[in-house]
Amino acid sequence: MRCLSFMTGPERGNNHANLTQSFSTLLIACSLAAILGSFGCNTVHGMGQDIERAGEKTEDAADAVKRRL
């Protein structure tokens, strides 16, 4: 494989275009992964809060039953 700095003419242009396209694709993929990852964190955090509230309600109900006994 030849180094880009030694290439001249149209051969260098093609590789440069391919490299630029590959970099752009990688940048878009990483950006998309970061955005989707942040949505996932918010979803998991919200689910954790919902589970915590359900546990609190269950605990309150159990306390109410204890008081009646």
Protein backbone atom coordinates (compact mmCIF):
# COMPACT_ATOMS: atom_id res chain seq x y z
CA MET A 1 0.00 0.00 0.00
CA ARG A 2 1.40 3.36 -0.96
CA CYS A 3 1.42 6.33 1.39
CA LEU A 4 -0.86 9.24 0.41
CA SER A 5 2.03 11.71 0.43
CA PHE A 6 3.76 9.82 -2.41
CA MET A 7 0.69 9.64 -4.63
CA THR A 8 0.16 12.12 -7.38
CA GLY A 9 -2.55 12.91 -9.87
CA PRO A 10 -5.97 11.29 -9.97
CA GLU A 11 -4.83 8.35 -7.83
CA ARG A 12 -4.36 10.63 -4.84
CA GLY A 13 -7.68 12.36 -5.44
CA ASN A 14 -9.64 9.11 -5.31
CA ASN A 15 -8.05 7.97 -2.07
CA HIS A 16 -8.50 11.42 -0.54
CA ALA A 17 -12.20 11.40 -1.48
CA ASN A 18 -12.61 7.89 -0.06
CA LEU A 19 -10.84 8.88 3.14
CA THR A 20 -13.01 11.98 3.50
CA GLN A 21 -16.18 9.96 2.89
CA SER A 22 -15.08 7.31 5.41
CA PHE A 23 -14.33 9.97 8.01
CA SER A 24 -17.71 11.63 7.42
CA THR A 25 -19.50 8.31 7.76
CA LEU A 26 -17.63 7.54 10.99
CA LEU A 27 -18.43 10.99 12.38
CA ILE A 28 -22.14 10.62 11.58
CA ALA A 29 -22.24 7.12 13.11
CA CYS A 30 -20.55 8.30 16.32
CA SER A 31 -22.86 11.29 16.59
CA LEU A 32 -25.92 9.10 16.10
CA ALA A 33 -24.66 6.62 18.71
CA ALA A 34 -24.11 9.46 21.22
CA ILE A 35 -27.60 10.86 20.64
CA LEU A 36 -29.28 7.46 20.94
CA GLY A 37 -27.17 6.67 24.00
CA SER A 38 -28.37 9.80 25.76
CA PHE A 39 -31.98 8.83 25.04
CA GLY A 40 -31.33 5.38 26.47
CA CYS A 41 -29.91 6.81 29.69
CA ASN A 42 -32.96 9.00 30.19
CA THR A 43 -35.25 6.03 29.58
CA VAL A 44 -33.43 3.79 32.07
CA HIS A 45 -33.35 6.61 34.63
CA GLY A 46 -37.09 7.17 34.24
CA MET A 47 -37.78 3.47 34.53
CA GLY A 48 -35.74 3.37 37.76
CA GLN A 49 -37.82 6.21 39.18
CA ASP A 50 -41.05 4.41 38.27
CA ILE A 51 -39.86 1.20 39.96
CA GLU A 52 -38.82 3.18 43.04
CA ARG A 53 -42.29 4.79 43.27
CA ALA A 54 -43.97 1.39 42.90
CA GLY A 55 -41.81 0.05 45.73
CA GLU A 56 -42.74 3.00 47.94
CA LYS A 57 -46.46 2.42 47.26
CA THR A 58 -46.07 -1.28 48.08
CA GLU A 59 -44.27 -0.40 51.30
CA ASP A 60 -47.00 2.10 52.23
CA ALA A 61 -49.67 -0.53 51.62
CA ALA A 62 -47.80 -3.07 53.77
CA ASP A 63 -47.49 -0.49 56.59
CA ALA A 64 -51.24 0.18 56.38
CA VAL A 65 -51.97 -3.53 56.73
CA LYS A 66 -49.65 -3.77 59.75
CA ARG A 67 -51.44 -0.88 61.47
CA ARG A 68 -54.79 -2.63 61.02
CA LEU A 69 -53.56 -5.83 62.68
